[in-house]
Amino acid sequence: MSISTLVLGLGNVLLGDEGVGVHVAGKLIAEGCPAGVVVLDIGTSVLEALPELELAERVIVIDAVAAGKPPGTIYRMVFEDFAKKPVIASMHGFDLERVLALAERRQPPEVLVFGVEPASMEFSLELSREVAAVLPFLIERVKKEIVN
């Protein structure tokens, strides 16, 4: 079985905007996706996606990205543009780069990241007003990326 596109919703829903990727994944799962597309809400456990990462031709990651722009800013980035970290970057387990290295593949998949500038990463189950306002636009951008 091959997965044409794997969408990974990352984040911690207990920390407000940090959970934006999980919120987007949940909405995409509820709406349904085309054949060959798998959407996973993986929260903070990237290692859980290893079986799907071994099969995916392309990966779209959705996560909060603090890059200094106004809250709600949406970023579209190629995974290779991220700085490499010399240690495991997550207290919850492996980061995506290391999980991809564990995948039994000859060629890594193309990885695209949609990030959203957070307004608040305090304890809350709710997204901030700024991030909630851009959620529909972000979901549409991800859907367009899926069909391209």
Foldseek 3Di string as FASTA:
>chain_A
DAAAEEEEQEAALQFAQQRLSLVLLVVDVVVDDDPSYHYDDPYHCLLVCLVNQLRYQEYEYEGADADPDPFFDKDKAWPVPDDDDPDADDPNDHDPVVSQVVHPDPDGHGYIYIHTHAPTRHGDSYHDPSNVVCSVVVSVVVNVVVVD
